[in-house]
């Protein structure tokens, strides 16, 4: 079985755990895979499924690499604006779109997130309003939703403008689904058994802050709508 066949085999949700040995064995199965080959396989897949999605009114929304750089020598193909342009142009249809994860794209200092939202707005079908703080050495950590390295307020404003544009076109799908995504452990979260980043109270706090920003922008900028 070559690496591309293994990729199809392994592309499924899983909570499996790995030892050092099993992880090394898995990595060795993908030895030789290149960025160009990975991108070509993805675009070939999209060219098969996007026409069907268009016919059925389904919106596909690819999530960026997390983190958006190579780990263990594995190629990354959804990390930068250039990557996004290749993916969207490879199967150029509305159904071929993005999950715009602020935290994932924002982990790279060379990604201009506001420019990316403005450029790809019409193809953004889902948004993760997650925030990270970048460190000088290139590492990052999860930050409060309104206090990190990305201009969250500016990004939300740009997304609201895109929603207003779609609404003006009388589109039924003018609202872009969003989620606060990761949250800190707060209050009762500390004693609960939760997956890292998926606290209840912490995520609700983030959602409340983000919704407050949205309502404030709509109040202050009438053309953004209600």
Protein backbone atom coordinates (compact mmCIF):
# COMPACT_ATOMS: atom_id res chain seq x y z
CA UNK A 1 0.00 0.00 0.00
CA UNK A 2 1.56 3.33 -1.05
CA UNK A 3 1.38 6.51 1.05
CA UNK A 4 -1.59 7.99 -0.86
CA UNK A 5 -3.67 4.87 -0.23
CA UNK A 6 -2.69 5.01 3.43
CA UNK A 7 -3.77 8.66 3.51
CA UNK A 8 -7.28 7.67 2.46
CA UNK A 9 -7.25 4.87 5.03
CA UNK A 10 -6.17 7.19 7.85
CA UNK A 11 -8.41 10.20 7.02
CA UNK A 12 -11.03 9.53 9.65
CA UNK A 13 -11.83 10.90 13.07
CA UNK A 14 -10.08 9.02 15.82
CA UNK A 15 -9.13 9.27 19.46
CA UNK A 16 -6.45 6.60 19.12
CA UNK A 17 -3.26 7.02 21.11
CA UNK A 18 0.26 6.21 19.97
CA UNK A 19 3.49 5.15 21.59
CA UNK A 20 6.82 6.43 20.28
CA UNK A 21 7.22 3.22 18.32
CA UNK A 22 3.76 3.18 16.73
CA UNK A 23 4.02 6.89 15.87
CA UNK A 24 7.41 6.34 14.23
CA UNK A 25 6.01 3.40 12.25
CA UNK A 26 3.10 5.54 11.07
CA UNK A 27 5.41 8.36 10.01
CA UNK A 28 7.58 5.95 8.05
CA UNK A 29 4.52 4.93 6.02
CA UNK A 30 4.36 8.50 4.66
CA UNK A 31 8.06 8.76 3.87
CA UNK A 32 8.60 10.33 0.47
CA UNK A 33 5.32 12.24 0.34
CA UNK A 34 5.91 15.74 -1.04
CA UNK A 35 3.92 18.95 -0.75
CA UNK A 36 3.21 19.02 -4.49
CA UNK A 37 1.97 15.43 -4.45
CA UNK A 38 -0.26 16.06 -1.45
CA UNK A 39 -1.73 19.17 -3.09
CA UNK A 40 -2.30 17.33 -6.38
CA UNK A 41 -4.14 14.53 -4.54
CA UNK A 42 -6.32 17.03 -2.68
CA UNK A 43 -7.25 18.93 -5.83
CA UNK A 44 -7.98 15.68 -7.70
CA UNK A 45 -10.32 14.71 -4.86
CA UNK A 46 -12.01 18.12 -4.89
CA UNK A 47 -12.57 18.00 -8.64
CA UNK A 48 -14.51 14.79 -8.12
CA UNK A 49 -16.67 15.84 -5.16
CA UNK A 50 -17.21 19.59 -5.68
CA UNK A 51 -19.53 19.19 -8.71
CA UNK A 52 -21.72 16.87 -6.63
CA UNK A 53 -21.69 19.35 -3.76
CA UNK A 54 -22.70 22.12 -6.16
CA UNK A 55 -25.59 20.02 -7.46
CA UNK A 56 -26.83 19.27 -3.92
CA UNK A 57 -26.24 22.75 -2.48
CA UNK A 58 -23.61 21.46 -0.04
CA UNK A 59 -20.80 23.72 1.18
CA UNK A 60 -17.39 22.11 1.70
CA UNK A 61 -15.13 23.92 4.15
CA UNK A 62 -11.53 22.75 4.52
CA UNK A 63 -9.84 23.43 7.86
CA UNK A 64 -6.26 24.76 7.87
CA UNK A 65 -3.28 22.78 9.09
CA UNK A 66 -2.92 23.00 12.86
CA UNK A 67 -0.21 24.08 13.41
CA UNK A 68 0.36 25.62 9.95
CA UNK A 69 3.89 24.30 9.43
CA UNK A 70 5.55 20.94 8.95
CA UNK A 71 5.77 18.51 11.86
CA UNK A 72 7.94 15.37 11.80
CA UNK A 73 8.78 16.08 8.16
CA UNK A 74 5.19 15.77 6.95
CA UNK A 75 4.18 18.26 4.22
CA UNK A 76 1.52 20.90 4.92
CA UNK A 77 -0.79 22.20 2.19
CA UNK A 78 -3.42 24.35 3.96
CA UNK A 79 -1.29 26.83 5.88
CA UNK A 80 -0.93 30.08 3.93
CA UNK A 81 -2.82 32.40 1.58
CA UNK A 82 -0.91 30.86 -1.32
CA UNK A 83 -2.14 27.40 -0.28
CA UNK A 84 -5.71 28.66 -0.14
CA UNK A 85 -5.48 30.19 -3.60
CA UNK A 86 -4.29 26.87 -5.02
CA UNK A 87 -7.12 24.94 -3.36
CA UNK A 88 -9.89 27.34 -4.37
CA UNK A 89 -8.68 27.74 -7.95
CA UNK A 90 -8.10 23.99 -8.29
CA UNK A 91 -11.87 23.43 -8.10
CA UNK A 92 -13.31 26.88 -8.71
CA UNK A 93 -16.86 26.73 -7.39
CA UNK A 94 -18.73 28.25 -4.47
CA UNK A 95 -19.11 24.85 -2.82
CA UNK A 96 -15.32 24.53 -2.54
CA UNK A 97 -14.69 26.77 0.45
CA UNK A 98 -12.97 27.32 3.75
CA UNK A 99 -13.27 26.85 7.45
CA UNK A 100 -11.44 30.01 8.46
CA UNK A 101 -9.76 29.14 11.76
CA UNK A 102 -8.29 32.32 13.20
CA UNK A 103 -6.13 30.41 15.65
CA UNK A 104 -4.61 28.04 13.09
CA UNK A 105 -3.83 30.63 10.42
CA UNK A 106 -2.90 33.15 13.12
CA UNK A 107 -0.16 30.93 14.52
CA UNK A 108 1.97 32.07 11.56
CA UNK A 109 3.25 35.64 11.81
CA UNK A 110 3.51 35.87 8.00
CA UNK A 111 -0.24 35.28 7.54
CA UNK A 112 -2.14 38.58 7.24
CA UNK A 113 -5.47 37.32 8.51
CA UNK A 114 -7.50 40.44 7.78
CA UNK A 115 -6.21 40.47 4.20
CA UNK A 116 -7.04 36.76 3.89
CA UNK A 117 -10.60 37.26 5.13
CA UNK A 118 -11.11 40.11 2.68
CA UNK A 119 -9.63 38.13 -0.23
CA UNK A 120 -11.44 34.86 0.40
CA UNK A 121 -14.64 36.19 2.03
CA UNK A 122 -17.00 34.79 -0.60
CA UNK A 123 -15.64 31.27 -0.05
CA UNK A 124 -15.66 31.26 3.76
CA UNK A 125 -18.39 28.84 4.86
CA UNK A 126 -17.47 28.29 8.52
CA UNK A 127 -15.40 30.26 11.03
CA UNK A 128 -13.50 29.26 14.17
CA UNK A 129 -12.95 32.45 16.17
CA UNK A 130 -10.11 31.00 18.20
CA UNK A 131 -7.27 33.20 19.42
CA UNK A 132 -3.57 32.49 19.98
CA UNK A 133 -0.64 34.54 21.26
CA UNK A 134 2.58 34.17 19.31
CA UNK A 135 5.91 34.20 21.12
CA UNK A 136 9.13 35.74 19.68
CA UNK A 137 10.61 32.28 19.11
CA UNK A 138 7.69 31.25 16.90
CA UNK A 139 5.83 29.19 19.50
CA UNK A 140 2.31 30.12 20.55
CA UNK A 141 -0.30 29.45 23.21
CA UNK A 142 -4.07 29.65 23.47
CA UNK A 143 -5.13 33.17 24.43
CA UNK A 144 -8.35 34.86 25.47
CA UNK A 145 -10.62 35.37 22.49
CA UNK A 146 -10.20 39.16 22.44
CA UNK A 147 -6.58 39.30 23.59
CA UNK A 148 -4.03 37.69 21.31
CA UNK A 149 -1.90 38.19 18.22
CA UNK A 150 -4.76 38.41 15.72
CA UNK A 151 -7.04 41.41 15.15
CA UNK A 152 -10.21 39.60 16.21
CA UNK A 153 -12.41 42.71 16.08
CA UNK A 154 -11.20 43.58 12.58
CA UNK A 155 -11.74 40.01 11.41
CA UNK A 156 -15.27 39.91 12.80
CA UNK A 157 -16.03 43.26 11.14
CA UNK A 158 -14.86 41.92 7.77
CA UNK A 159 -17.00 38.79 8.21
CA UNK A 160 -20.06 40.87 9.07
CA UNK A 161 -19.51 42.90 5.90
CA UNK A 162 -19.48 39.67 3.90
CA UNK A 163 -22.70 38.56 5.59
CA UNK A 164 -24.29 41.93 4.72
CA UNK A 165 -23.16 41.53 1.10
CA UNK A 166 -24.72 38.06 0.90
CA UNK A 167 -27.93 39.28 2.53
CA UNK A 168 -28.16 42.10 -0.01
CA UNK A 169 -28.09 39.36 -2.68
CA UNK A 170 -31.06 37.71 -0.91
CA UNK A 171 -29.06 34.56 -0.27
CA UNK A 172 -30.56 32.09 2.17
CA UNK A 173 -27.06 31.17 3.35
CA UNK A 174 -26.00 34.72 4.14
CA UNK A 175 -25.19 33.92 7.79
CA UNK A 176 -21.74 32.37 8.24
CA UNK A 177 -21.74 29.75 11.04
CA UNK A 178 -19.16 30.49 13.75
CA UNK A 179 -17.88 28.85 16.89
CA UNK A 180 -15.66 30.19 19.68
CA UNK A 181 -13.68 26.95 19.46
CA UNK A 182 -11.10 26.59 22.22
CA UNK A 183 -11.57 28.00 25.72
CA UNK A 184 -9.68 28.10 28.99
CA UNK A 185 -10.57 26.03 32.06
CA UNK A 186 -12.71 28.26 34.28
CA UNK A 187 -14.81 27.73 37.41
CA UNK A 188 -16.48 24.29 37.36
CA UNK A 189 -14.51 23.33 34.24
CA UNK A 190 -11.49 22.62 36.40
CA UNK A 191 -13.17 19.65 38.08
CA UNK A 192 -14.78 18.29 34.90
CA UNK A 193 -13.26 15.66 32.63
CA UNK A 194 -13.01 17.48 29.29
CA UNK A 195 -10.79 17.27 26.23
CA UNK A 196 -8.12 20.00 26.22
CA UNK A 197 -9.52 23.25 24.83
CA UNK A 198 -13.15 22.11 24.99
CA UNK A 199 -14.27 23.44 28.32
CA UNK A 200 -17.89 24.47 28.87
CA UNK A 201 -17.62 27.68 30.90
CA UNK A 202 -14.46 28.86 29.14
CA UNK A 203 -15.99 28.47 25.70
CA UNK A 204 -19.23 30.14 26.77
CA UNK A 205 -17.19 33.08 28.05
CA UNK A 206 -15.48 33.36 24.68
CA UNK A 207 -18.79 33.10 22.83
CA UNK A 208 -20.29 35.87 24.98
CA UNK A 209 -17.32 38.14 24.26
CA UNK A 210 -17.48 37.47 20.52
CA UNK A 211 -21.23 38.05 20.35
CA UNK A 212 -20.72 41.30 22.25
CA UNK A 213 -18.24 42.42 19.60
CA UNK A 214 -20.72 41.50 16.85
CA UNK A 215 -23.59 43.42 18.44
CA UNK A 216 -21.34 46.41 19.11
CA UNK A 217 -20.16 46.54 15.50
CA UNK A 218 -23.69 46.24 14.16
CA UNK A 219 -24.80 49.04 16.46
CA UNK A 220 -21.92 51.32 15.51
CA UNK A 221 -21.85 50.54 11.77
CA UNK A 222 -25.45 50.55 10.48
CA UNK A 223 -24.60 49.02 7.09
CA UNK A 224 -23.55 45.81 8.83
CA UNK A 225 -27.23 45.17 9.58
CA UNK A 226 -28.99 43.76 12.61
